[in-house]
N, C-alpha and C. Protein backbone atom coordinates (compact mmCIF):
# COMPACT_ATOMS: atom_id res chain seq x y z
N MET A 1 20.42 10.08 -13.97
CA MET A 1 19.62 8.92 -13.59
C MET A 1 18.15 9.33 -13.43
N ILE A 2 17.88 10.53 -12.92
CA ILE A 2 16.50 11.00 -12.76
C ILE A 2 15.81 11.09 -14.11
N ASP A 3 16.55 11.51 -15.14
CA ASP A 3 15.96 11.62 -16.48
C ASP A 3 15.54 10.26 -17.03
N CYS A 4 16.14 9.20 -16.54
CA CYS A 4 15.79 7.85 -16.96
C CYS A 4 14.32 7.54 -16.63
N LEU A 5 13.77 8.22 -15.65
CA LEU A 5 12.40 7.95 -15.23
C LEU A 5 11.35 8.61 -16.11
N ARG A 6 11.78 9.34 -17.11
CA ARG A 6 10.84 9.95 -18.06
C ARG A 6 10.35 8.86 -19.02
N ALA A 7 9.13 8.98 -19.46
CA ALA A 7 8.50 7.98 -20.33
C ALA A 7 9.29 7.76 -21.62
N SER A 8 9.91 8.80 -22.14
CA SER A 8 10.62 8.70 -23.41
C SER A 8 12.00 8.06 -23.27
N SER A 9 12.42 7.78 -22.08
CA SER A 9 13.76 7.24 -21.85
C SER A 9 13.81 5.76 -22.23
N ALA A 10 14.96 5.35 -22.78
CA ALA A 10 15.14 3.96 -23.20
C ALA A 10 15.85 3.11 -22.15
N CYS A 11 16.07 3.65 -20.97
CA CYS A 11 16.79 2.90 -19.94
C CYS A 11 15.84 1.98 -19.17
N ASP A 12 16.39 1.16 -18.30
CA ASP A 12 15.61 0.26 -17.45
C ASP A 12 15.09 1.07 -16.26
N GLN A 13 13.83 1.46 -16.31
CA GLN A 13 13.27 2.33 -15.26
C GLN A 13 13.20 1.64 -13.90
N ALA A 14 12.91 0.36 -13.87
CA ALA A 14 12.86 -0.35 -12.58
C ALA A 14 14.23 -0.33 -11.92
N GLU A 15 15.27 -0.54 -12.72
CA GLU A 15 16.64 -0.50 -12.21
C GLU A 15 16.99 0.90 -11.72
N ALA A 16 16.57 1.90 -12.46
CA ALA A 16 16.85 3.30 -12.08
C ALA A 16 16.15 3.64 -10.77
N ILE A 17 14.90 3.21 -10.61
CA ILE A 17 14.17 3.46 -9.36
C ILE A 17 14.90 2.82 -8.19
N ALA A 18 15.33 1.58 -8.37
CA ALA A 18 16.06 0.88 -7.30
C ALA A 18 17.37 1.60 -6.96
N GLU A 19 18.11 2.00 -7.98
CA GLU A 19 19.39 2.69 -7.77
C GLU A 19 19.18 4.03 -7.06
N LEU A 20 18.21 4.81 -7.53
CA LEU A 20 17.95 6.11 -6.91
C LEU A 20 17.51 5.93 -5.45
N SER A 21 16.74 4.92 -5.19
CA SER A 21 16.29 4.64 -3.83
C SER A 21 17.47 4.31 -2.92
N LEU A 22 18.39 3.51 -3.43
CA LEU A 22 19.57 3.10 -2.66
C LEU A 22 20.50 4.27 -2.36
N ARG A 23 20.55 5.23 -3.26
CA ARG A 23 21.44 6.38 -3.08
C ARG A 23 21.03 7.25 -1.89
N LYS A 24 19.76 7.22 -1.54
CA LYS A 24 19.24 7.99 -0.39
C LYS A 24 19.46 9.49 -0.55
N GLU A 25 19.41 9.97 -1.79
CA GLU A 25 19.54 11.41 -2.06
C GLU A 25 18.15 11.92 -2.42
N SER A 26 17.39 12.29 -1.42
CA SER A 26 15.99 12.64 -1.62
C SER A 26 15.77 14.03 -2.22
N GLU A 27 16.61 14.99 -1.88
CA GLU A 27 16.39 16.37 -2.33
C GLU A 27 16.30 16.51 -3.85
N PRO A 28 17.23 15.93 -4.63
CA PRO A 28 17.10 16.07 -6.09
C PRO A 28 15.81 15.43 -6.63
N LEU A 29 15.37 14.33 -6.01
CA LEU A 29 14.15 13.67 -6.47
C LEU A 29 12.92 14.52 -6.15
N MET A 30 12.90 15.12 -4.98
CA MET A 30 11.76 15.96 -4.62
C MET A 30 11.74 17.23 -5.48
N ALA A 31 12.91 17.76 -5.80
CA ALA A 31 12.99 18.93 -6.68
C ALA A 31 12.51 18.58 -8.08
N ALA A 32 12.91 17.42 -8.58
CA ALA A 32 12.47 16.99 -9.91
C ALA A 32 10.95 16.78 -9.93
N TYR A 33 10.41 16.27 -8.85
CA TYR A 33 8.96 16.08 -8.74
C TYR A 33 8.25 17.43 -8.85
N ALA A 34 8.75 18.42 -8.12
CA ALA A 34 8.14 19.76 -8.12
C ALA A 34 8.19 20.40 -9.50
N GLU A 35 9.21 20.10 -10.27
CA GLU A 35 9.38 20.71 -11.59
C GLU A 35 8.64 19.96 -12.70
N SER A 36 8.35 18.70 -12.48
CA SER A 36 7.78 17.86 -13.54
C SER A 36 6.27 18.07 -13.69
N ILE A 37 5.82 18.05 -14.95
CA ILE A 37 4.38 18.08 -15.21
C ILE A 37 3.91 16.74 -15.79
N ASP A 38 4.84 15.83 -15.98
CA ASP A 38 4.56 14.51 -16.53
C ASP A 38 4.14 13.57 -15.40
N ALA A 39 2.88 13.13 -15.41
CA ALA A 39 2.34 12.29 -14.33
C ALA A 39 3.12 11.00 -14.17
N ASN A 40 3.49 10.36 -15.27
CA ASN A 40 4.25 9.12 -15.19
C ASN A 40 5.62 9.34 -14.54
N HIS A 41 6.28 10.42 -14.93
CA HIS A 41 7.58 10.76 -14.35
C HIS A 41 7.45 10.99 -12.85
N ARG A 42 6.42 11.72 -12.46
CA ARG A 42 6.19 12.01 -11.04
C ARG A 42 5.94 10.72 -10.25
N GLU A 43 5.17 9.79 -10.82
CA GLU A 43 4.92 8.51 -10.14
C GLU A 43 6.22 7.74 -9.93
N LYS A 44 7.07 7.73 -10.94
CA LYS A 44 8.36 7.03 -10.83
C LYS A 44 9.25 7.69 -9.76
N LEU A 45 9.20 9.01 -9.67
CA LEU A 45 9.96 9.70 -8.63
C LEU A 45 9.44 9.32 -7.24
N VAL A 46 8.14 9.24 -7.11
CA VAL A 46 7.54 8.84 -5.82
C VAL A 46 7.95 7.41 -5.48
N GLU A 47 7.97 6.54 -6.49
CA GLU A 47 8.42 5.15 -6.26
C GLU A 47 9.85 5.13 -5.73
N ALA A 48 10.72 5.93 -6.33
CA ALA A 48 12.12 5.98 -5.87
C ALA A 48 12.21 6.51 -4.45
N LEU A 49 11.45 7.54 -4.16
CA LEU A 49 11.46 8.12 -2.81
C LEU A 49 10.88 7.15 -1.76
N SER A 50 10.02 6.25 -2.20
CA SER A 50 9.39 5.30 -1.27
C SER A 50 10.39 4.41 -0.56
N GLY A 51 11.56 4.26 -1.12
CA GLY A 51 12.59 3.43 -0.49
C GLY A 51 13.46 4.17 0.51
N MET A 52 13.13 5.41 0.79
CA MET A 52 13.95 6.23 1.70
C MET A 52 13.18 6.56 2.96
N ASP A 53 13.72 6.16 4.08
CA ASP A 53 13.07 6.42 5.36
C ASP A 53 13.76 7.60 6.04
N GLU A 54 13.35 8.80 5.62
CA GLU A 54 13.96 10.03 6.13
C GLU A 54 12.85 11.03 6.45
N PRO A 55 13.02 11.86 7.48
CA PRO A 55 11.98 12.85 7.81
C PRO A 55 11.57 13.76 6.65
N PRO A 56 12.49 14.26 5.82
CA PRO A 56 12.03 15.11 4.71
C PRO A 56 11.14 14.34 3.72
N VAL A 57 11.45 13.06 3.51
CA VAL A 57 10.64 12.25 2.60
C VAL A 57 9.27 12.00 3.21
N THR A 58 9.23 11.76 4.51
CA THR A 58 7.95 11.55 5.19
C THR A 58 7.07 12.79 5.03
N GLU A 59 7.63 13.96 5.23
CA GLU A 59 6.85 15.20 5.07
C GLU A 59 6.40 15.38 3.63
N PHE A 60 7.29 15.08 2.70
CA PHE A 60 6.94 15.16 1.28
C PHE A 60 5.77 14.23 0.98
N MET A 61 5.85 13.00 1.46
CA MET A 61 4.78 12.03 1.20
C MET A 61 3.46 12.51 1.81
N ARG A 62 3.52 13.09 2.99
CA ARG A 62 2.28 13.64 3.59
C ARG A 62 1.68 14.71 2.68
N SER A 63 2.54 15.53 2.11
CA SER A 63 2.04 16.63 1.29
C SER A 63 1.39 16.13 -0.01
N ILE A 64 1.89 15.06 -0.58
CA ILE A 64 1.33 14.62 -1.86
C ILE A 64 0.11 13.72 -1.70
N THR A 65 -0.21 13.31 -0.50
CA THR A 65 -1.44 12.53 -0.33
C THR A 65 -2.66 13.40 -0.60
N ARG A 66 -2.48 14.70 -0.53
CA ARG A 66 -3.60 15.63 -0.69
C ARG A 66 -3.65 16.30 -2.06
N GLN A 67 -2.56 16.24 -2.83
CA GLN A 67 -2.53 17.04 -4.06
C GLN A 67 -1.88 16.30 -5.22
N SER A 68 -2.17 15.04 -5.36
CA SER A 68 -1.51 14.29 -6.43
C SER A 68 -2.49 13.34 -7.11
N SER A 69 -1.98 12.61 -8.07
CA SER A 69 -2.80 11.63 -8.77
C SER A 69 -3.17 10.50 -7.80
N GLU A 70 -4.14 9.71 -8.22
CA GLU A 70 -4.59 8.58 -7.39
C GLU A 70 -3.44 7.62 -7.10
N ARG A 71 -2.64 7.33 -8.10
CA ARG A 71 -1.52 6.40 -7.92
C ARG A 71 -0.45 6.99 -7.00
N GLU A 72 -0.11 8.25 -7.21
CA GLU A 72 0.88 8.89 -6.34
C GLU A 72 0.38 8.90 -4.90
N ALA A 73 -0.88 9.22 -4.71
CA ALA A 73 -1.46 9.23 -3.36
C ALA A 73 -1.40 7.84 -2.74
N PHE A 74 -1.69 6.81 -3.54
CA PHE A 74 -1.61 5.44 -3.01
C PHE A 74 -0.19 5.14 -2.56
N LEU A 75 0.79 5.44 -3.41
CA LEU A 75 2.19 5.16 -3.06
C LEU A 75 2.62 5.95 -1.82
N ALA A 76 2.19 7.19 -1.73
CA ALA A 76 2.53 8.01 -0.56
C ALA A 76 1.88 7.43 0.70
N ASN A 77 0.62 7.03 0.60
CA ASN A 77 -0.06 6.44 1.76
C ASN A 77 0.56 5.10 2.15
N LEU A 78 0.99 4.34 1.16
CA LEU A 78 1.66 3.07 1.46
C LEU A 78 2.96 3.32 2.22
N TYR A 79 3.71 4.32 1.79
CA TYR A 79 4.95 4.71 2.46
C TYR A 79 4.66 5.08 3.93
N LEU A 80 3.66 5.94 4.12
CA LEU A 80 3.32 6.40 5.47
C LEU A 80 2.75 5.27 6.33
N ALA A 81 1.97 4.40 5.72
CA ALA A 81 1.39 3.28 6.46
C ALA A 81 2.47 2.32 6.94
N ARG A 82 3.55 2.20 6.20
CA ARG A 82 4.67 1.35 6.64
C ARG A 82 5.28 1.85 7.94
N GLN A 83 5.04 3.12 8.24
CA GLN A 83 5.51 3.71 9.49
C GLN A 83 4.43 3.65 10.58
N GLY A 84 3.30 3.04 10.25
CA GLY A 84 2.22 2.91 11.22
C GLY A 84 1.26 4.09 11.26
N ASP A 85 1.31 4.96 10.29
CA ASP A 85 0.45 6.14 10.24
C ASP A 85 -1.01 5.72 10.06
N GLN A 86 -1.83 6.00 11.08
CA GLN A 86 -3.23 5.57 11.07
C GLN A 86 -4.05 6.22 9.96
N LYS A 87 -3.81 7.48 9.69
CA LYS A 87 -4.53 8.17 8.62
C LYS A 87 -4.19 7.55 7.27
N ALA A 88 -2.94 7.18 7.07
CA ALA A 88 -2.53 6.54 5.82
C ALA A 88 -3.20 5.17 5.69
N LEU A 89 -3.29 4.42 6.79
CA LEU A 89 -3.99 3.13 6.75
C LEU A 89 -5.46 3.33 6.38
N GLU A 90 -6.06 4.35 6.94
CA GLU A 90 -7.45 4.68 6.61
C GLU A 90 -7.58 5.01 5.12
N ASN A 91 -6.67 5.82 4.61
CA ASN A 91 -6.69 6.20 3.20
C ASN A 91 -6.51 4.98 2.29
N LEU A 92 -5.60 4.08 2.65
CA LEU A 92 -5.40 2.87 1.86
C LEU A 92 -6.66 2.01 1.86
N ASN A 93 -7.30 1.93 3.00
CA ASN A 93 -8.52 1.14 3.10
C ASN A 93 -9.60 1.70 2.17
N ARG A 94 -9.70 3.02 2.12
CA ARG A 94 -10.69 3.66 1.24
C ARG A 94 -10.30 3.56 -0.23
N ALA A 95 -9.01 3.49 -0.50
CA ALA A 95 -8.53 3.49 -1.89
C ALA A 95 -8.93 2.23 -2.64
N GLY A 96 -9.02 1.13 -1.95
CA GLY A 96 -9.35 -0.12 -2.63
C GLY A 96 -8.16 -0.67 -3.37
N GLY A 97 -8.36 -1.78 -4.03
CA GLY A 97 -7.26 -2.49 -4.66
C GLY A 97 -7.06 -2.20 -6.13
N ASN A 98 -7.27 -0.98 -6.58
CA ASN A 98 -7.12 -0.64 -7.99
C ASN A 98 -5.67 -0.31 -8.33
N VAL A 99 -4.76 -1.17 -7.90
CA VAL A 99 -3.32 -1.01 -8.14
C VAL A 99 -2.76 -2.40 -8.46
N ALA A 100 -1.48 -2.47 -8.71
CA ALA A 100 -0.85 -3.77 -8.96
C ALA A 100 -1.06 -4.69 -7.77
N SER A 101 -1.19 -5.97 -8.02
CA SER A 101 -1.49 -6.92 -6.94
C SER A 101 -0.42 -6.90 -5.85
N TYR A 102 0.84 -6.75 -6.21
CA TYR A 102 1.89 -6.74 -5.19
C TYR A 102 1.77 -5.51 -4.28
N GLU A 103 1.29 -4.40 -4.85
CA GLU A 103 1.10 -3.19 -4.03
C GLU A 103 -0.11 -3.35 -3.11
N TRP A 104 -1.19 -3.93 -3.63
CA TRP A 104 -2.37 -4.14 -2.80
C TRP A 104 -2.07 -5.17 -1.71
N ALA A 105 -1.30 -6.18 -2.03
CA ALA A 105 -0.90 -7.16 -1.01
C ALA A 105 -0.10 -6.48 0.10
N ALA A 106 0.77 -5.56 -0.27
CA ALA A 106 1.56 -4.83 0.74
C ALA A 106 0.63 -4.03 1.66
N ALA A 107 -0.38 -3.40 1.09
CA ALA A 107 -1.33 -2.63 1.90
C ALA A 107 -2.11 -3.56 2.83
N LEU A 108 -2.58 -4.68 2.30
CA LEU A 108 -3.33 -5.64 3.13
C LEU A 108 -2.47 -6.15 4.29
N SER A 109 -1.21 -6.38 4.03
CA SER A 109 -0.30 -6.85 5.09
C SER A 109 -0.17 -5.82 6.21
N LEU A 110 -0.16 -4.55 5.82
CA LEU A 110 -0.03 -3.50 6.83
C LEU A 110 -1.26 -3.40 7.73
N PHE A 111 -2.45 -3.73 7.21
CA PHE A 111 -3.65 -3.73 8.05
C PHE A 111 -3.48 -4.71 9.21
N GLY A 112 -2.88 -5.86 8.93
CA GLY A 112 -2.63 -6.83 9.99
C GLY A 112 -1.47 -6.41 10.88
N LYS A 113 -0.37 -6.02 10.27
CA LYS A 113 0.82 -5.64 11.04
C LYS A 113 0.51 -4.59 12.09
N TYR A 114 -0.30 -3.60 11.71
CA TYR A 114 -0.62 -2.53 12.65
C TYR A 114 -1.99 -2.72 13.31
N ARG A 115 -2.53 -3.93 13.13
CA ARG A 115 -3.80 -4.30 13.76
C ARG A 115 -4.87 -3.22 13.54
N TYR A 116 -4.98 -2.84 12.29
CA TYR A 116 -5.91 -1.78 11.91
C TYR A 116 -7.30 -2.38 11.71
N ARG A 117 -8.04 -2.46 12.79
CA ARG A 117 -9.33 -3.13 12.81
C ARG A 117 -10.40 -2.48 11.93
N PRO A 118 -10.41 -1.15 11.74
CA PRO A 118 -11.43 -0.58 10.86
C PRO A 118 -11.38 -1.12 9.43
N ALA A 119 -10.26 -1.70 9.04
CA ALA A 119 -10.11 -2.21 7.67
C ALA A 119 -10.43 -3.70 7.57
N VAL A 120 -10.89 -4.32 8.62
CA VAL A 120 -11.04 -5.78 8.61
C VAL A 120 -11.90 -6.29 7.46
N ASP A 121 -12.87 -5.53 7.05
CA ASP A 121 -13.73 -5.94 5.94
C ASP A 121 -12.94 -6.06 4.64
N THR A 122 -11.93 -5.25 4.49
CA THR A 122 -11.15 -5.24 3.25
C THR A 122 -10.39 -6.56 3.05
N PRO A 123 -9.63 -7.04 4.03
CA PRO A 123 -8.99 -8.35 3.82
C PRO A 123 -9.99 -9.50 3.74
N ILE A 124 -11.14 -9.37 4.41
CA ILE A 124 -12.15 -10.43 4.28
C ILE A 124 -12.59 -10.53 2.82
N GLU A 125 -12.87 -9.39 2.20
CA GLU A 125 -13.27 -9.39 0.79
C GLU A 125 -12.12 -9.88 -0.10
N ALA A 126 -10.89 -9.50 0.25
CA ALA A 126 -9.72 -9.87 -0.57
C ALA A 126 -9.42 -11.36 -0.54
N LEU A 127 -10.00 -12.09 0.41
CA LEU A 127 -9.80 -13.54 0.43
C LEU A 127 -10.29 -14.17 -0.88
N GLY A 128 -11.23 -13.52 -1.53
CA GLY A 128 -11.77 -14.02 -2.79
C GLY A 128 -11.08 -13.48 -4.03
N ALA A 129 -9.98 -12.80 -3.87
CA ALA A 129 -9.27 -12.21 -5.01
C ALA A 129 -8.66 -13.29 -5.91
N ALA A 130 -8.46 -12.96 -7.15
CA ALA A 130 -7.87 -13.90 -8.10
C ALA A 130 -6.35 -14.02 -7.92
N SER A 131 -5.75 -13.04 -7.31
CA SER A 131 -4.30 -13.01 -7.14
C SER A 131 -3.87 -13.72 -5.86
N GLY A 132 -2.97 -14.68 -6.01
CA GLY A 132 -2.51 -15.45 -4.85
C GLY A 132 -1.81 -14.61 -3.79
N ASN A 133 -1.00 -13.62 -4.21
CA ASN A 133 -0.31 -12.81 -3.21
C ASN A 133 -1.29 -11.93 -2.44
N VAL A 134 -2.38 -11.53 -3.08
CA VAL A 134 -3.40 -10.73 -2.40
C VAL A 134 -4.15 -11.58 -1.39
N THR A 135 -4.56 -12.78 -1.80
CA THR A 135 -5.29 -13.65 -0.85
C THR A 135 -4.40 -14.06 0.31
N GLN A 136 -3.14 -14.32 0.04
CA GLN A 136 -2.21 -14.69 1.12
C GLN A 136 -2.04 -13.54 2.11
N ALA A 137 -1.85 -12.33 1.61
CA ALA A 137 -1.69 -11.17 2.49
C ALA A 137 -2.96 -10.93 3.29
N ALA A 138 -4.11 -11.10 2.66
CA ALA A 138 -5.38 -10.91 3.35
C ALA A 138 -5.52 -11.92 4.49
N GLU A 139 -5.23 -13.18 4.19
CA GLU A 139 -5.35 -14.22 5.22
C GLU A 139 -4.37 -13.98 6.36
N GLU A 140 -3.15 -13.61 6.04
CA GLU A 140 -2.16 -13.35 7.10
C GLU A 140 -2.60 -12.19 7.99
N SER A 141 -3.15 -11.14 7.40
CA SER A 141 -3.64 -10.01 8.20
C SER A 141 -4.77 -10.44 9.11
N LEU A 142 -5.70 -11.21 8.56
CA LEU A 142 -6.84 -11.66 9.36
C LEU A 142 -6.39 -12.58 10.49
N ARG A 143 -5.40 -13.39 10.25
CA ARG A 143 -4.89 -14.30 11.31
C ARG A 143 -4.17 -13.52 12.42
N ILE A 144 -3.60 -12.38 12.07
CA ILE A 144 -3.02 -11.52 13.11
C ILE A 144 -4.13 -10.90 13.94
N LEU A 145 -5.18 -10.44 13.26
CA LEU A 145 -6.30 -9.81 13.95
C LEU A 145 -7.14 -10.81 14.75
N PHE A 146 -7.21 -12.03 14.25
CA PHE A 146 -8.00 -13.09 14.89
C PHE A 146 -7.14 -14.35 15.02
N PRO A 147 -6.20 -14.35 15.96
CA PRO A 147 -5.25 -15.47 16.07
C PRO A 147 -5.89 -16.81 16.41
N GLU A 148 -7.12 -16.79 16.90
CA GLU A 148 -7.79 -18.03 17.26
C GLU A 148 -8.46 -18.72 16.07
N ALA A 149 -8.29 -18.16 14.89
CA ALA A 149 -8.92 -18.72 13.69
C ALA A 149 -8.42 -20.14 13.43
N PRO A 150 -9.29 -20.98 12.86
CA PRO A 150 -8.85 -22.34 12.51
C PRO A 150 -7.67 -22.31 11.55
N ALA A 151 -6.88 -23.36 11.57
CA ALA A 151 -5.70 -23.44 10.71
C ALA A 151 -6.08 -23.50 9.23
N GLU A 152 -7.21 -24.12 8.93
CA GLU A 152 -7.65 -24.25 7.54
C GLU A 152 -9.15 -24.06 7.43
N PHE A 153 -9.57 -23.70 6.23
CA PHE A 153 -10.99 -23.58 5.91
C PHE A 153 -11.28 -24.45 4.69
N GLN A 154 -12.50 -24.91 4.57
CA GLN A 154 -12.90 -25.74 3.43
C GLN A 154 -13.03 -24.93 2.15
N SER A 155 -13.35 -23.64 2.28
CA SER A 155 -13.56 -22.81 1.10
C SER A 155 -13.31 -21.34 1.45
N THR A 156 -13.20 -20.54 0.43
CA THR A 156 -13.06 -19.10 0.62
C THR A 156 -14.29 -18.56 1.33
N GLU A 157 -15.45 -19.02 0.91
CA GLU A 157 -16.71 -18.55 1.50
C GLU A 157 -16.77 -18.88 3.00
N GLN A 158 -16.31 -20.06 3.37
CA GLN A 158 -16.29 -20.44 4.78
C GLN A 158 -15.36 -19.52 5.57
N ALA A 159 -14.20 -19.21 5.01
CA ALA A 159 -13.25 -18.31 5.67
C ALA A 159 -13.86 -16.92 5.82
N GLN A 160 -14.46 -16.42 4.76
CA GLN A 160 -15.08 -15.10 4.82
C GLN A 160 -16.20 -15.07 5.87
N ARG A 161 -17.02 -16.10 5.88
CA ARG A 161 -18.10 -16.18 6.86
C ARG A 161 -17.55 -16.18 8.29
N TYR A 162 -16.51 -17.00 8.52
CA TYR A 162 -15.90 -17.09 9.84
C TYR A 162 -15.39 -15.72 10.30
N PHE A 163 -14.62 -15.05 9.44
CA PHE A 163 -14.02 -13.77 9.83
C PHE A 163 -15.08 -12.67 9.99
N ARG A 164 -16.13 -12.72 9.21
CA ARG A 164 -17.23 -11.75 9.39
C ARG A 164 -17.89 -11.94 10.76
N ILE A 165 -18.15 -13.19 11.10
CA ILE A 165 -18.77 -13.47 12.42
C ILE A 165 -17.85 -13.01 13.54
N ARG A 166 -16.55 -13.33 13.44
CA ARG A 166 -15.58 -12.92 14.48
C ARG A 166 -15.50 -11.40 14.58
N ALA A 167 -15.52 -10.73 13.45
CA ALA A 167 -15.45 -9.27 13.46
C ALA A 167 -16.68 -8.68 14.14
N LYS A 168 -17.85 -9.19 13.80
CA LYS A 168 -19.08 -8.69 14.43
C LYS A 168 -19.07 -8.94 15.93
N LYS A 169 -18.61 -10.11 16.35
CA LYS A 169 -18.52 -10.41 17.79
C LYS A 169 -17.54 -9.48 18.50
N ALA A 170 -16.53 -9.02 17.76
CA ALA A 170 -15.55 -8.10 18.32
C ALA A 170 -16.02 -6.65 18.27
N GLY A 171 -17.22 -6.44 17.72
CA GLY A 171 -17.78 -5.09 17.66
C GLY A 171 -17.28 -4.26 16.50
N ILE A 172 -16.73 -4.91 15.48
CA ILE A 172 -16.21 -4.20 14.32
C ILE A 172 -17.33 -4.06 13.29
N ARG A 173 -17.56 -2.85 12.86
CA ARG A 173 -18.60 -2.59 11.85
C ARG A 173 -18.10 -3.00 10.48
N LEU A 174 -18.88 -3.78 9.78
CA LEU A 174 -18.53 -4.26 8.44
C LEU A 174 -19.37 -3.57 7.40
N GLU A 175 -18.77 -3.32 6.25
CA GLU A 175 -19.48 -2.68 5.14
C GLU A 175 -20.21 -3.70 4.28
N HIS A 176 -19.65 -4.91 4.16
CA HIS A 176 -20.22 -5.93 3.26
C HIS A 176 -20.96 -6.99 4.05
């Protein structure tokens, strides 16, 4: 099944990632990662490991945030941020949204879930994204951080203006 994650494989890689994740057998996946020189294969292995909440996987993910491709580091930080890791939240905030919209939406949701105020500028900017799941995740995060926000806004610009003002009043430094 691990070989299915190689680029040359004709199998359903998404299905293989899901199956490997469900098996919760992290050691063979981490060993295959260490042996592989194929960046795509390594990313798929990290995706499979992302579904496993085990101490060895957590340590593995910490190790690859420092020595891997940009995508692998994003996936590892997303995994760690799901556990509330503040450094991972910081790394995701710096990484920006240069990933699939569903992955960026997941990161934006975590900023709200863990009330990560240093990232408040990121969901404010994401309110203007073209992707509906990204804008929804951004708005939900901001509503967690600022529960007193109005139920609706007339425009994206009005929402961004409101949240920027609220952030400044709360003493949060904004980049934009």
